[in-house]
Amino acid sequence: MTHVDPQGADTSATAPSSRPLAGRRFLVTGGARGLGAAIVEALAAQGARGAIIDLHPPASPAPWPTVSADVTDEQAMDAAVSTLTNDDVPFDGLIAAAGVVPSWHSPETVDLDDFDRTMSVNVRGVVAAIRSVAPAMPDGGTIVVIGSLNSWKADPHLLSYVASKHALLGVVRSSALALGRRGIRVNAVAPGPVETEALLGRIDSRAALTGLDRESALARAAEATALGRLATAQDVAEAALFLSSPASKAITGHLLPVDGGML
């Protein structure tokens, strides 16, 4: 139902102003599962259109077309972006969500091949996505990168991952400076632990070392937050939507923590 105020303004829930992302086109890397999939669903619910690039097929039917490509392969990324650009209409937004988390290691035991792969996917993959999408992105375009609380803090068991997420913050800040005068904003969200299948798998794999089952590990992580709860995939998606919307039009080059207050 459409509601009109005394001045004749349309105040219905479906008015364009209530869906600021309606009609905008987004590309989401790593959008087939986990946080990327949650962001795709949230964007689609807001009326956004778009496409997904992921090395693996979606775990469930996705609202947007998906192309399989390795984000570390610049030629594959260029080809995928070209395939997904409909009638030469560029993407208004990019969500760079593709990433990997290596198994626990220390500086003394780090596998350098694993280190290279982590840096390649988590850093090179983001740079490749920006490189492929940004040239045609219009004024008002937005880029949101999935960083981590490890973009600003360390972990004794995840040298490779921490190094990659620290590096991502440099990519975000440099890209924000380089693209800002074109009206393109570049930001990152920094999730804390989020109860995805990937996190649960890591908890299971570490149980022998930590002595914690899933329930205990999640409870301990929640207890470490100011709110006493973990952030959800929906929380992360809403933060990405905020940074992709006009509501954040004066924000660029920043990292937004979404972690329940891990202070």
C-alpha atoms as a PDB file:
ATOM      1  CA  MET A   1       0.000   0.000   0.000  1.00  0.00           C
ATOM      2  CA  THR A   2       1.197   3.519  -0.802  1.00  0.00           C
ATOM      3  CA  HIS A   3       0.971   6.163   1.935  1.00  0.00           C
ATOM      4  CA  VAL A   4       1.001   9.904   1.214  1.00  0.00           C
ATOM      5  CA  ASP A   5       1.758  12.562   3.806  1.00  0.00           C
ATOM      6  CA  PRO A   6      -0.172  15.873   3.952  1.00  0.00           C
ATOM      7  CA  GLN A   7       2.322  17.493   1.566  1.00  0.00           C
ATOM      8  CA  GLY A   8       1.762  14.717  -0.953  1.00  0.00           C
ATOM      9  CA  ALA A   9       5.082  12.925  -0.458  1.00  0.00           C
ATOM     10  CA  ASP A  10       5.142   9.165  -1.020  1.00  0.00           C
ATOM     11  CA  THR A  11       6.120   7.545   2.281  1.00  0.00           C
ATOM     12  CA  SER A  12       5.560   3.914   1.358  1.00  0.00           C
ATOM     13  CA  ALA A  13       8.067   1.301   2.451  1.00  0.00           C
ATOM     14  CA  THR A  14       8.897   0.693  -1.189  1.00  0.00           C
ATOM     15  CA  ALA A  15       9.681   4.314  -2.001  1.00  0.00           C
ATOM     16  CA  PRO A  16      13.041   4.648  -3.795  1.00  0.00           C
ATOM     17  CA  SER A  17      14.606   6.462  -0.823  1.00  0.00           C
ATOM     18  CA  SER A  18      14.008   3.405   1.368  1.00  0.00           C
ATOM     19  CA  ARG A  19      16.030   1.212  -1.003  1.00  0.00           C
ATOM     20  CA  PRO A  20      19.094   3.311  -1.865  1.00  0.00           C
ATOM     21  CA  LEU A  21      20.830   0.421  -3.615  1.00  0.00           C
ATOM     22  CA  ALA A  22      17.915  -0.496  -5.874  1.00  0.00           C
ATOM     23  CA  GLY A  23      19.006  -0.737  -9.493  1.00  0.00           C
ATOM     24  CA  ARG A  24      22.718  -0.554  -8.736  1.00  0.00           C
ATOM     25  CA  ARG A  25      24.943  -3.344 -10.082  1.00  0.00           C
ATOM     26  CA  PHE A  26      27.413  -5.139  -7.830  1.00  0.00           C
ATOM     27  CA  LEU A  27      30.112  -7.720  -8.358  1.00  0.00           C
ATOM     28  CA  VAL A  28      30.817  -9.953  -5.357  1.00  0.00           C
ATOM     29  CA  THR A  29      33.921 -12.126  -5.336  1.00  0.00           C
ATOM     30  CA  GLY A  30      33.677 -15.119  -3.044  1.00  0.00           C
ATOM     31  CA  GLY A  31      29.915 -14.650  -3.119  1.00  0.00           C
ATOM     32  CA  ALA A  32      28.926 -18.317  -3.335  1.00  0.00           C
ATOM     33  CA  ARG A  33      29.091 -19.083   0.376  1.00  0.00           C
ATOM     34  CA  GLY A  34      29.829 -17.685   3.820  1.00  0.00           C
ATOM     35  CA  LEU A  35      29.976 -13.924   4.315  1.00  0.00           C
ATOM     36  CA  GLY A  36      30.010 -13.295   0.571  1.00  0.00           C
ATOM     37  CA  ALA A  37      26.737 -15.176   0.110  1.00  0.00           C
ATOM     38  CA  ALA A  38      25.139 -13.287   3.011  1.00  0.00           C
ATOM     39  CA  ILE A  39      26.130 -10.003   1.386  1.00  0.00           C
ATOM     40  CA  VAL A  40      24.713 -11.089  -1.984  1.00  0.00           C
ATOM     41  CA  GLU A  41      21.384 -11.961  -0.336  1.00  0.00           C
ATOM     42  CA  ALA A  42      21.288  -8.630   1.500  1.00  0.00           C
ATOM     43  CA  LEU A  43      22.081  -6.656  -1.660  1.00  0.00           C
ATOM     44  CA  ALA A  44      19.446  -8.526  -3.653  1.00  0.00           C
ATOM     45  CA  ALA A  45      16.859  -7.883  -0.923  1.00  0.00           C
ATOM     46  CA  GLN A  46      17.581  -4.175  -1.345  1.00  0.00           C
ATOM     47  CA  GLY A  47      16.829  -4.378  -5.054  1.00  0.00           C
ATOM     48  CA  ALA A  48      20.442  -4.393  -6.217  1.00  0.00           C
ATOM     49  CA  ARG A  49      21.419  -6.407  -9.281  1.00  0.00           C
ATOM     50  CA  GLY A  50      24.730  -8.076  -9.881  1.00  0.00           C
ATOM     51  CA  ALA A  51      26.910 -11.099 -10.348  1.00  0.00           C
ATOM     52  CA  ILE A  52      29.167 -13.453  -8.420  1.00  0.00           C
ATOM     53  CA  ILE A  53      32.690 -14.645  -9.097  1.00  0.00           C
ATOM     54  CA  ASP A  54      33.724 -17.680  -7.086  1.00  0.00           C
ATOM     55  CA  LEU A  55      36.035 -20.615  -7.623  1.00  0.00           C
ATOM     56  CA  HIS A  56      33.295 -22.941  -6.356  1.00  0.00           C
ATOM     57  CA  PRO A  57      29.593 -23.176  -7.262  1.00  0.00           C
ATOM     58  CA  PRO A  58      27.078 -21.684  -4.812  1.00  0.00           C
ATOM     59  CA  ALA A  59      26.156 -23.880  -1.862  1.00  0.00           C
ATOM     60  CA  SER A  60      22.487 -23.027  -2.563  1.00  0.00           C
ATOM     61  CA  PRO A  61      20.708 -21.278  -5.442  1.00  0.00           C
ATOM     62  CA  ALA A  62      22.013 -17.713  -5.720  1.00  0.00           C
ATOM     63  CA  PRO A  63      19.933 -14.702  -6.778  1.00  0.00           C
ATOM     64  CA  TRP A  64      22.580 -13.604  -9.277  1.00  0.00           C
ATOM     65  CA  PRO A  65      24.536 -15.345 -12.054  1.00  0.00           C
ATOM     66  CA  THR A  66      27.821 -16.930 -11.008  1.00  0.00           C
ATOM     67  CA  VAL A  67      31.023 -17.322 -12.997  1.00  0.00           C
ATOM     68  CA  SER A  68      33.798 -19.627 -11.830  1.00  0.00           C
ATOM     69  CA  ALA A  69      37.183 -17.911 -11.769  1.00  0.00           C
ATOM     70  CA  ASP A  70      40.335 -17.852  -9.666  1.00  0.00           C
ATOM     71  CA  VAL A  71      40.668 -14.338  -8.234  1.00  0.00           C
ATOM     72  CA  THR A  72      44.466 -14.647  -8.284  1.00  0.00           C
ATOM     73  CA  ASP A  73      44.481 -15.100 -12.075  1.00  0.00           C
ATOM     74  CA  GLU A  74      44.300 -11.626 -13.624  1.00  0.00           C
ATOM     75  CA  GLN A  75      43.408 -12.914 -17.083  1.00  0.00           C
ATOM     76  CA  ALA A  76      40.616 -15.068 -15.662  1.00  0.00           C
ATOM     77  CA  MET A  77      39.333 -12.114 -13.662  1.00  0.00           C
ATOM     78  CA  ASP A  78      39.377  -9.802 -16.677  1.00  0.00           C
ATOM     79  CA  ALA A  79      37.522 -12.412 -18.733  1.00  0.00           C
ATOM     80  CA  ALA A  80      34.944 -13.029 -15.998  1.00  0.00           C
ATOM     81  CA  VAL A  81      34.262  -9.328 -15.511  1.00  0.00           C
ATOM     82  CA  SER A  82      33.929  -8.891 -19.263  1.00  0.00           C
ATOM     83  CA  THR A  83      31.468 -11.806 -19.433  1.00  0.00           C
ATOM     84  CA  LEU A  84      29.376 -10.392 -16.590  1.00  0.00           C
ATOM     85  CA  THR A  85      29.265  -6.821 -17.859  1.00  0.00           C
ATOM     86  CA  ASN A  86      25.822  -6.666 -19.454  1.00  0.00           C
ATOM     87  CA  ASP A  87      25.521  -4.425 -22.530  1.00  0.00           C
ATOM     88  CA  ASP A  88      28.677  -2.610 -21.453  1.00  0.00           C
ATOM     89  CA  VAL A  89      26.959  -1.385 -18.267  1.00  0.00           C
ATOM     90  CA  PRO A  90      29.706  -1.185 -15.615  1.00  0.00           C
ATOM     91  CA  PHE A  91      29.424  -2.333 -12.028  1.00  0.00           C
ATOM     92  CA  ASP A  92      28.524   0.403  -9.537  1.00  0.00           C
ATOM     93  CA  GLY A  93      29.952  -1.557  -6.652  1.00  0.00           C
ATOM     94  CA  LEU A  94      32.478  -4.255  -5.833  1.00  0.00           C
ATOM     95  CA  ILE A  95      32.463  -6.459  -2.745  1.00  0.00           C
ATOM     96  CA  ALA A  96      35.781  -8.316  -2.463  1.00  0.00           C
ATOM     97  CA  ALA A  97      34.923 -11.218  -0.164  1.00  0.00           C
ATOM     98  CA  ALA A  98      37.062 -14.048  -1.535  1.00  0.00           C
ATOM     99  CA  GLY A  99      39.609 -15.225   1.009  1.00  0.00           C
ATOM    100  CA  VAL A 100      41.250 -18.158   2.755  1.00  0.00           C
ATOM    101  CA  VAL A 101      42.318 -18.906   6.317  1.00  0.00           C
ATOM    102  CA  PRO A 102      45.333 -21.237   6.689  1.00  0.00           C
ATOM    103  CA  SER A 103      45.759 -23.811   9.398  1.00  0.00           C
ATOM    104  CA  TRP A 104      47.457 -22.754  12.609  1.00  0.00           C
ATOM    105  CA  HIS A 105      51.215 -22.237  12.447  1.00  0.00           C
ATOM    106  CA  SER A 106      53.982 -20.319  14.168  1.00  0.00           C
ATOM    107  CA  PRO A 107      56.846 -18.309  12.655  1.00  0.00           C
ATOM    108  CA  GLU A 108      59.017 -21.390  13.154  1.00  0.00           C
ATOM    109  CA  THR A 109      56.639 -23.791  11.422  1.00  0.00           C
ATOM    110  CA  VAL A 110      55.015 -21.668   8.713  1.00  0.00           C
ATOM    111  CA  ASP A 111      54.788 -23.436   5.358  1.00  0.00           C
ATOM    112  CA  LEU A 112      55.966 -20.897   2.806  1.00  0.00           C
ATOM    113  CA  ASP A 113      53.840 -22.405   0.062  1.00  0.00           C
ATOM    114  CA  ASP A 114      50.785 -21.901   2.281  1.00  0.00           C
ATOM    115  CA  PHE A 115      52.022 -18.392   3.069  1.00  0.00           C
ATOM    116  CA  ASP A 116      52.248 -17.607  -0.649  1.00  0.00           C
ATOM    117  CA  ARG A 117      48.756 -18.955  -1.323  1.00  0.00           C
ATOM    118  CA  THR A 118      47.243 -17.011   1.577  1.00  0.00           C
ATOM    119  CA  MET A 119      48.837 -13.776   0.389  1.00  0.00           C
ATOM    120  CA  SER A 120      47.869 -14.534  -3.207  1.00  0.00           C
ATOM    121  CA  VAL A 121      44.169 -15.102  -2.515  1.00  0.00           C
ATOM    122  CA  ASN A 122      43.692 -12.558   0.262  1.00  0.00           C
ATOM    123  CA  VAL A 123      45.754  -9.716  -1.221  1.00  0.00           C
ATOM    124  CA  ARG A 124      46.478 -10.340  -4.889  1.00  0.00           C
ATOM    125  CA  GLY A 125      42.882 -11.505  -5.378  1.00  0.00           C
ATOM    126  CA  VAL A 126      41.518  -8.215  -4.036  1.00  0.00           C
ATOM    127  CA  VAL A 127      43.938  -6.159  -6.105  1.00  0.00           C
ATOM    128  CA  ALA A 128      43.007  -8.171  -9.217  1.00  0.00           C
ATOM    129  CA  ALA A 129      39.299  -7.549  -8.574  1.00  0.00           C
ATOM    130  CA  ILE A 130      39.821  -3.809  -8.133  1.00  0.00           C
ATOM    131  CA  ARG A 131      42.050  -3.717 -11.199  1.00  0.00           C
ATOM    132  CA  SER A 132      39.376  -5.425 -13.309  1.00  0.00           C
ATOM    133  CA  VAL A 133      36.358  -3.449 -12.102  1.00  0.00           C
ATOM    134  CA  ALA A 134      37.551   0.041 -11.179  1.00  0.00           C
ATOM    135  CA  PRO A 135      38.476   1.373 -14.658  1.00  0.00           C
ATOM    136  CA  ALA A 136      34.836   1.364 -15.810  1.00  0.00           C
ATOM    137  CA  MET A 137      33.272   2.148 -12.431  1.00  0.00           C
ATOM    138  CA  PRO A 138      31.232   5.361 -12.526  1.00  0.00           C
ATOM    139  CA  ASP A 139      31.309   8.359 -10.217  1.00  0.00           C
ATOM    140  CA  GLY A 140      29.652   7.293  -6.972  1.00  0.00           C
ATOM    141  CA  GLY A 141      31.049   3.783  -7.202  1.00  0.00           C
ATOM    142  CA  THR A 142      31.930   1.850  -4.063  1.00  0.00           C
ATOM    143  CA  ILE A 143      34.412  -0.869  -3.203  1.00  0.00           C
ATOM    144  CA  VAL A 144      34.123  -2.818   0.043  1.00  0.00           C
ATOM    145  CA  VAL A 145      36.803  -5.309   1.040  1.00  0.00           C
ATOM    146  CA  ILE A 146      36.330  -8.014   3.671  1.00  0.00           C
ATOM    147  CA  GLY A 147      39.167  -7.411   6.074  1.00  0.00           C
ATOM    148  CA  SER A 148      39.364  -8.827   9.588  1.00  0.00           C
ATOM    149  CA  LEU A 149      40.029  -7.907  13.171  1.00  0.00           C
ATOM    150  CA  ASN A 150      43.451  -9.251  12.155  1.00  0.00           C
ATOM    151  CA  SER A 151      43.810  -6.207   9.912  1.00  0.00           C
ATOM    152  CA  TRP A 152      44.795  -4.343  13.096  1.00  0.00           C
ATOM    153  CA  LYS A 153      45.678  -6.995  15.687  1.00  0.00           C
ATOM    154  CA  ALA A 154      47.967 -10.018  15.709  1.00  0.00           C
ATOM    155  CA  ASP A 155      47.534 -13.743  16.319  1.00  0.00           C
ATOM    156  CA  PRO A 156      50.454 -15.964  17.347  1.00  0.00           C
ATOM    157  CA  HIS A 157      48.987 -18.899  15.414  1.00  0.00           C
ATOM    158  CA  LEU A 158      48.169 -17.193  12.095  1.00  0.00           C
ATOM    159  CA  LEU A 159      51.183 -15.242  10.862  1.00  0.00           C
ATOM    160  CA  SER A 160      50.222 -15.705   7.198  1.00  0.00           C
ATOM    161  CA  TYR A 161      46.619 -14.632   7.660  1.00  0.00           C
ATOM    162  CA  VAL A 162      47.512 -11.623   9.817  1.00  0.00           C
ATOM    163  CA  ALA A 163      50.111 -10.504   7.275  1.00  0.00           C
ATOM    164  CA  SER A 164      47.547 -10.744   4.468  1.00  0.00           C
ATOM    165  CA  LYS A 165      44.850  -8.821   6.343  1.00  0.00           C
ATOM    166  CA  HIS A 166      47.301  -6.116   7.421  1.00  0.00           C
ATOM    167  CA  ALA A 167      48.309  -5.795   3.766  1.00  0.00           C
ATOM    168  CA  LEU A 168      44.657  -5.443   2.749  1.00  0.00           C
ATOM    169  CA  LEU A 169      44.342  -2.319   4.857  1.00  0.00           C
ATOM    170  CA  GLY A 170      47.169  -0.795   2.825  1.00  0.00           C
ATOM    171  CA  VAL A 171      45.385  -1.768  -0.389  1.00  0.00           C
ATOM    172  CA  VAL A 172      42.191  -0.107   0.847  1.00  0.00           C
ATOM    173  CA  ARG A 173      43.874   3.122   1.912  1.00  0.00           C
ATOM    174  CA  SER A 174      46.002   3.449  -1.219  1.00  0.00           C
ATOM    175  CA  SER A 175      43.042   2.683  -3.465  1.00  0.00           C
ATOM    176  CA  ALA A 176      40.897   5.216  -1.612  1.00  0.00           C
ATOM    177  CA  LEU A 177      43.465   7.931  -2.297  1.00  0.00           C
ATOM    178  CA  ALA A 178      43.923   6.913  -5.917  1.00  0.00           C
ATOM    179  CA  LEU A 179      40.222   6.610  -6.778  1.00  0.00           C
ATOM    180  CA  GLY A 180      38.680   9.248  -4.535  1.00  0.00           C
ATOM    181  CA  ARG A 181      38.903  12.104  -7.029  1.00  0.00           C
ATOM    182  CA  ARG A 182      36.848   9.968  -9.421  1.00  0.00           C
ATOM    183  CA  GLY A 183      34.132   9.822  -6.781  1.00  0.00           C
ATOM    184  CA  ILE A 184      34.850   6.172  -5.926  1.00  0.00           C
ATOM    185  CA  ARG A 185      34.979   5.216  -2.263  1.00  0.00           C
ATOM    186  CA  VAL A 186      37.007   2.274  -0.921  1.00  0.00           C
ATOM    187  CA  ASN A 187      36.478   0.836   2.551  1.00  0.00           C
ATOM    188  CA  ALA A 188      36.756  -2.429   4.456  1.00  0.00           C
ATOM    189  CA  VAL A 189      34.744  -4.241   7.090  1.00  0.00           C
ATOM    190  CA  ALA A 190      36.575  -6.088   9.836  1.00  0.00           C
ATOM    191  CA  PRO A 191      34.548  -9.040  11.113  1.00  0.00           C
ATOM    192  CA  GLY A 192      35.467 -10.764  14.316  1.00  0.00           C
ATOM    193  CA  PRO A 193      34.563 -14.452  14.696  1.00  0.00           C
ATOM    194  CA  VAL A 194      31.337 -15.182  12.793  1.00  0.00           C
ATOM    195  CA  GLU A 195      29.588 -18.539  13.091  1.00  0.00           C
ATOM    196  CA  THR A 196      29.946 -19.715   9.512  1.00  0.00           C
ATOM    197  CA  GLU A 197      30.584 -23.265   8.364  1.00  0.00           C
ATOM    198  CA  ALA A 198      34.194 -22.258   7.709  1.00  0.00           C
ATOM    199  CA  LEU A 199      34.692 -21.085  11.301  1.00  0.00           C
ATOM    200  CA  LEU A 200      33.043 -24.188  12.729  1.00  0.00           C
ATOM    201  CA  GLY A 201      35.349 -26.330  10.622  1.00  0.00           C
ATOM    202  CA  ARG A 202      38.370 -24.488  11.976  1.00  0.00           C
ATOM    203  CA  ILE A 203      37.142 -24.907  15.549  1.00  0.00           C
ATOM    204  CA  ASP A 204      36.800 -28.645  14.961  1.00  0.00           C
ATOM    205  CA  SER A 205      40.282 -28.905  13.453  1.00  0.00           C
ATOM    206  CA  ARG A 206      41.805 -27.070  16.426  1.00  0.00           C
ATOM    207  CA  ALA A 207      39.906 -28.940  19.131  1.00  0.00           C
ATOM    208  CA  ALA A 208      42.807 -31.270  19.916  1.00  0.00           C
ATOM    209  CA  LEU A 209      45.045 -28.258  20.540  1.00  0.00           C
ATOM    210  CA  THR A 210      42.554 -26.013  22.353  1.00  0.00           C
ATOM    211  CA  GLY A 211      40.547 -28.615  24.224  1.00  0.00           C
ATOM    212  CA  LEU A 212      37.382 -26.741  23.223  1.00  0.00           C
ATOM    213  CA  ASP A 213      34.377 -28.123  21.399  1.00  0.00           C
ATOM    214  CA  ARG A 214      32.227 -25.906  19.185  1.00  0.00           C
ATOM    215  CA  GLU A 215      29.906 -24.706  21.927  1.00  0.00           C
ATOM    216  CA  SER A 216      32.741 -23.896  24.327  1.00  0.00           C
ATOM    217  CA  ALA A 217      34.852 -22.145  21.688  1.00  0.00           C
ATOM    218  CA  LEU A 218      31.942 -19.971  20.520  1.00  0.00           C
ATOM    219  CA  ALA A 219      31.006 -19.136  24.121  1.00  0.00           C
ATOM    220  CA  ARG A 220      34.578 -18.104  24.927  1.00  0.00           C
ATOM    221  CA  ALA A 221      34.738 -15.891  21.838  1.00  0.00           C
ATOM    222  CA  ALA A 222      31.399 -14.271  22.697  1.00  0.00           C
ATOM    223  CA  GLU A 223      32.532 -13.617  26.256  1.00  0.00           C
ATOM    224  CA  ALA A 224      35.496 -11.645  24.891  1.00  0.00           C
ATOM    225  CA  THR A 225      33.178  -9.058  23.290  1.00  0.00           C
ATOM    226  CA  ALA A 226      31.613  -5.964  24.854  1.00  0.00           C
ATOM    227  CA  LEU A 227      28.140  -7.080  23.772  1.00  0.00           C
ATOM    228  CA  GLY A 228      28.580 -10.631  24.989  1.00  0.00           C
ATOM    229  CA  ARG A 229      27.719 -12.060  21.585  1.00  0.00           C
ATOM    230  CA  LEU A 230      29.383 -12.783  18.273  1.00  0.00           C
ATOM    231  CA  ALA A 231      28.599 -10.757  15.194  1.00  0.00           C
ATOM    232  CA  THR A 232      26.501 -12.609  12.642  1.00  0.00           C
ATOM    233  CA  ALA A 233      26.849 -12.902   8.889  1.00  0.00           C
ATOM    234  CA  GLN A 234      23.828 -10.586   8.636  1.00  0.00           C
ATOM    235  CA  ASP A 235      25.612  -8.005  10.803  1.00  0.00           C
ATOM    236  CA  VAL A 236      28.578  -8.074   8.420  1.00  0.00           C
ATOM    237  CA  ALA A 237      26.281  -7.850   5.391  1.00  0.00           C
ATOM    238  CA  GLU A 238      24.505  -4.805   6.810  1.00  0.00           C
ATOM    239  CA  ALA A 239      27.838  -3.086   7.402  1.00  0.00           C
ATOM    240  CA  ALA A 240      28.832  -3.792   3.793  1.00  0.00           C
ATOM    241  CA  LEU A 241      25.501  -2.360   2.621  1.00  0.00           C
ATOM    242  CA  PHE A 242      26.088   0.776   4.691  1.00  0.00           C
ATOM    243  CA  LEU A 243      29.527   1.314   3.157  1.00  0.00           C
ATOM    244  CA  SER A 244      28.029   0.720  -0.300  1.00  0.00           C
ATOM    245  CA  SER A 245      25.220   3.223   0.180  1.00  0.00           C
ATOM    246  CA  PRO A 246      24.915   7.033   0.076  1.00  0.00           C
ATOM    247  CA  ALA A 247      24.562   6.953   3.878  1.00  0.00           C
ATOM    248  CA  SER A 248      28.377   6.634   4.026  1.00  0.00           C
ATOM    249  CA  LYS A 249      29.097   9.106   1.224  1.00  0.00           C
ATOM    250  CA  ALA A 250      31.815  10.920   3.217  1.00  0.00           C
ATOM    251  CA  ILE A 251      33.574   7.749   4.387  1.00  0.00           C
ATOM    252  CA  THR A 252      36.513   6.297   2.466  1.00  0.00           C
ATOM    253  CA  GLY A 253      39.783   4.607   3.307  1.00  0.00           C
ATOM    254  CA  HIS A 254      38.481   3.204   6.572  1.00  0.00           C
ATOM    255  CA  LEU A 255      38.137  -0.144   8.316  1.00  0.00           C
ATOM    256  CA  LEU A 256      34.797  -0.707  10.089  1.00  0.00           C
ATOM    257  CA  PRO A 257      34.959  -3.346  12.850  1.00  0.00           C
ATOM    258  CA  VAL A 258      31.927  -5.652  13.056  1.00  0.00           C
ATOM    259  CA  ASP A 259      32.880  -7.789  16.023  1.00  0.00           C
ATOM    260  CA  GLY A 260      30.536  -7.205  18.943  1.00  0.00           C
ATOM    261  CA  GLY A 261      33.158  -4.969  20.551  1.00  0.00           C
ATOM    262  CA  MET A 262      36.446  -6.856  20.786  1.00  0.00           C
ATOM    263  CA  LEU A 263      38.195  -3.949  22.520  1.00  0.00           C
END
